[in-house]
Amino acid sequence: MPWNKDNYPDSLKNFMAPVRNKAIDIANALLEDGYDEGRAIAIATAQAKEWGENHDKQIRKKNT
C-alpha cells in the first residue's frame, strides 16, 4: 500500500514533516521495487534519519 502525508505508518508519527515525507518517498520507492512493507519501513526510516542529519533537519518532534 503506498503511503502519503496523511496516511503513513505509525512508526513515523513522531518525525518532523520533512523527515517523515522523505521516509514516505523512500518507502514507496522500495515497495515499487518489490520490498515487503516491514522491510521498506525499516530501510526508509534509517535513510530518512540519515538524510535529516545530513541536512541539519530536526528529526523528531519535541516532547512537551
N, C-alpha and C. Protein backbone atom coordinates (compact mmCIF):
# COMPACT_ATOMS: atom_id res chain seq x y z
N MET A 1 0.85 -1.19 0.00
CA MET A 1 0.00 0.00 0.00
C MET A 1 0.89 1.24 0.00
N PRO A 2 0.76 2.09 -1.00
CA PRO A 2 1.56 3.31 -0.98
C PRO A 2 1.08 4.27 0.11
N TRP A 3 2.02 4.98 0.69
CA TRP A 3 1.70 5.92 1.76
C TRP A 3 1.76 7.35 1.23
N ASN A 4 1.17 8.27 2.00
CA ASN A 4 1.22 9.69 1.66
C ASN A 4 1.30 10.50 2.94
N LYS A 5 1.25 11.83 2.84
CA LYS A 5 1.43 12.68 4.02
C LYS A 5 0.29 12.56 5.03
N ASP A 6 -0.85 12.02 4.60
CA ASP A 6 -1.97 11.85 5.51
C ASP A 6 -2.15 10.41 5.99
N ASN A 7 -1.53 9.49 5.30
CA ASN A 7 -1.67 8.07 5.62
C ASN A 7 -0.29 7.43 5.55
N TYR A 8 0.31 7.23 6.73
CA TYR A 8 1.66 6.69 6.80
C TYR A 8 1.77 5.77 8.01
N PRO A 9 2.82 4.97 8.08
CA PRO A 9 2.98 4.04 9.19
C PRO A 9 3.06 4.76 10.54
N ASP A 10 2.50 4.15 11.57
CA ASP A 10 2.53 4.73 12.91
C ASP A 10 3.95 5.02 13.39
N SER A 11 4.90 4.23 12.93
CA SER A 11 6.29 4.41 13.38
C SER A 11 6.87 5.75 12.94
N LEU A 12 6.23 6.44 12.03
CA LEU A 12 6.72 7.73 11.54
C LEU A 12 6.00 8.92 12.18
N LYS A 13 5.06 8.68 13.08
CA LYS A 13 4.22 9.76 13.59
C LYS A 13 4.98 10.80 14.41
N ASN A 14 6.10 10.45 15.02
CA ASN A 14 6.85 11.41 15.83
C ASN A 14 7.97 12.10 15.08
N PHE A 15 8.06 11.85 13.79
CA PHE A 15 9.07 12.52 12.98
C PHE A 15 8.55 13.87 12.50
N MET A 16 9.47 14.81 12.33
CA MET A 16 9.11 16.09 11.75
C MET A 16 8.71 15.86 10.29
N ALA A 17 7.84 16.71 9.77
CA ALA A 17 7.27 16.52 8.44
C ALA A 17 8.30 16.31 7.34
N PRO A 18 9.38 17.12 7.26
CA PRO A 18 10.32 16.89 6.15
C PRO A 18 10.97 15.50 6.19
N VAL A 19 11.30 15.03 7.38
CA VAL A 19 11.93 13.72 7.52
C VAL A 19 10.91 12.63 7.26
N ARG A 20 9.70 12.81 7.79
CA ARG A 20 8.63 11.83 7.55
C ARG A 20 8.31 11.74 6.07
N ASN A 21 8.22 12.87 5.39
CA ASN A 21 7.91 12.86 3.95
C ASN A 21 9.02 12.18 3.16
N LYS A 22 10.28 12.38 3.55
CA LYS A 22 11.39 11.70 2.89
C LYS A 22 11.26 10.20 3.11
N ALA A 23 10.92 9.77 4.32
CA ALA A 23 10.75 8.34 4.61
C ALA A 23 9.61 7.76 3.78
N ILE A 24 8.54 8.50 3.63
CA ILE A 24 7.40 8.04 2.82
C ILE A 24 7.83 7.85 1.37
N ASP A 25 8.57 8.82 0.83
CA ASP A 25 9.05 8.71 -0.55
C ASP A 25 9.95 7.49 -0.73
N ILE A 26 10.87 7.30 0.21
CA ILE A 26 11.79 6.17 0.13
C ILE A 26 11.03 4.85 0.25
N ALA A 27 10.12 4.76 1.22
CA ALA A 27 9.36 3.53 1.43
C ALA A 27 8.52 3.18 0.20
N ASN A 28 7.89 4.17 -0.38
CA ASN A 28 7.08 3.91 -1.58
C ASN A 28 7.95 3.41 -2.74
N ALA A 29 9.14 3.98 -2.88
CA ALA A 29 10.05 3.51 -3.93
C ALA A 29 10.47 2.07 -3.68
N LEU A 30 10.73 1.74 -2.42
CA LEU A 30 11.12 0.37 -2.08
C LEU A 30 9.97 -0.61 -2.34
N LEU A 31 8.75 -0.18 -2.04
CA LEU A 31 7.59 -1.05 -2.33
C LEU A 31 7.49 -1.32 -3.83
N GLU A 32 7.71 -0.29 -4.62
CA GLU A 32 7.67 -0.47 -6.09
C GLU A 32 8.76 -1.44 -6.56
N ASP A 33 9.86 -1.49 -5.82
CA ASP A 33 10.96 -2.40 -6.16
C ASP A 33 10.74 -3.81 -5.62
N GLY A 34 9.62 -4.03 -4.94
CA GLY A 34 9.28 -5.37 -4.50
C GLY A 34 9.58 -5.70 -3.05
N TYR A 35 10.03 -4.73 -2.27
CA TYR A 35 10.27 -4.97 -0.85
C TYR A 35 8.93 -5.14 -0.11
N ASP A 36 8.94 -5.95 0.96
CA ASP A 36 7.71 -6.05 1.75
C ASP A 36 7.60 -4.80 2.63
N GLU A 37 6.41 -4.54 3.15
CA GLU A 37 6.16 -3.30 3.88
C GLU A 37 7.07 -3.11 5.08
N GLY A 38 7.23 -4.15 5.88
CA GLY A 38 8.05 -4.04 7.09
C GLY A 38 9.49 -3.67 6.78
N ARG A 39 10.05 -4.32 5.79
CA ARG A 39 11.44 -4.04 5.40
C ARG A 39 11.54 -2.65 4.78
N ALA A 40 10.57 -2.27 3.97
CA ALA A 40 10.58 -0.94 3.35
C ALA A 40 10.53 0.16 4.41
N ILE A 41 9.71 -0.03 5.43
CA ILE A 41 9.60 0.97 6.50
C ILE A 41 10.92 1.08 7.26
N ALA A 42 11.52 -0.06 7.59
CA ALA A 42 12.77 -0.05 8.34
C ALA A 42 13.89 0.65 7.57
N ILE A 43 14.03 0.31 6.31
CA ILE A 43 15.07 0.93 5.48
C ILE A 43 14.79 2.42 5.30
N ALA A 44 13.55 2.76 5.00
CA ALA A 44 13.19 4.16 4.76
C ALA A 44 13.39 5.01 6.01
N THR A 45 13.07 4.46 7.16
CA THR A 45 13.26 5.20 8.42
C THR A 45 14.73 5.50 8.64
N ALA A 46 15.57 4.51 8.49
CA ALA A 46 17.01 4.71 8.68
C ALA A 46 17.57 5.72 7.68
N GLN A 47 17.18 5.60 6.42
CA GLN A 47 17.71 6.50 5.39
C GLN A 47 17.19 7.92 5.58
N ALA A 48 15.94 8.07 5.99
CA ALA A 48 15.38 9.41 6.21
C ALA A 48 16.05 10.09 7.40
N LYS A 49 16.32 9.32 8.45
CA LYS A 49 17.04 9.89 9.60
C LYS A 49 18.42 10.37 9.19
N GLU A 50 19.11 9.57 8.40
CA GLU A 50 20.44 9.96 7.91
C GLU A 50 20.33 11.20 7.03
N TRP A 51 19.33 11.23 6.16
CA TRP A 51 19.12 12.40 5.30
C TRP A 51 18.90 13.65 6.15
N GLY A 52 18.05 13.53 7.19
CA GLY A 52 17.77 14.66 8.06
C GLY A 52 19.02 15.17 8.77
N GLU A 53 19.82 14.24 9.27
CA GLU A 53 21.06 14.63 9.94
C GLU A 53 22.01 15.33 8.98
N ASN A 54 22.10 14.84 7.75
CA ASN A 54 22.99 15.43 6.75
C ASN A 54 22.51 16.79 6.25
N HIS A 55 21.23 17.08 6.46
CA HIS A 55 20.67 18.36 6.02
C HIS A 55 20.28 19.26 7.19
N ASP A 56 20.84 18.96 8.36
CA ASP A 56 20.60 19.76 9.58
C ASP A 56 19.11 19.96 9.86
N LYS A 57 18.35 18.89 9.69
CA LYS A 57 16.91 18.93 9.99
C LYS A 57 16.67 18.36 11.37
N GLN A 58 15.67 18.90 12.05
CA GLN A 58 15.23 18.28 13.30
C GLN A 58 14.54 16.99 12.93
N ILE A 59 14.92 15.89 13.57
CA ILE A 59 14.43 14.58 13.19
C ILE A 59 13.07 14.29 13.81
N ARG A 60 12.98 14.42 15.11
CA ARG A 60 11.75 14.07 15.83
C ARG A 60 11.10 15.29 16.45
N LYS A 61 9.80 15.18 16.65
CA LYS A 61 9.08 16.24 17.34
C LYS A 61 9.55 16.31 18.77
N LYS A 62 9.58 17.50 19.31
CA LYS A 62 9.98 17.68 20.71
C LYS A 62 8.83 17.28 21.62
N ASN A 63 9.15 16.60 22.70
CA ASN A 63 8.13 16.25 23.68
C ASN A 63 7.85 17.46 24.55
N THR A 64 6.58 17.73 24.75
CA THR A 64 6.21 18.89 25.58
C THR A 64 5.54 18.46 26.83
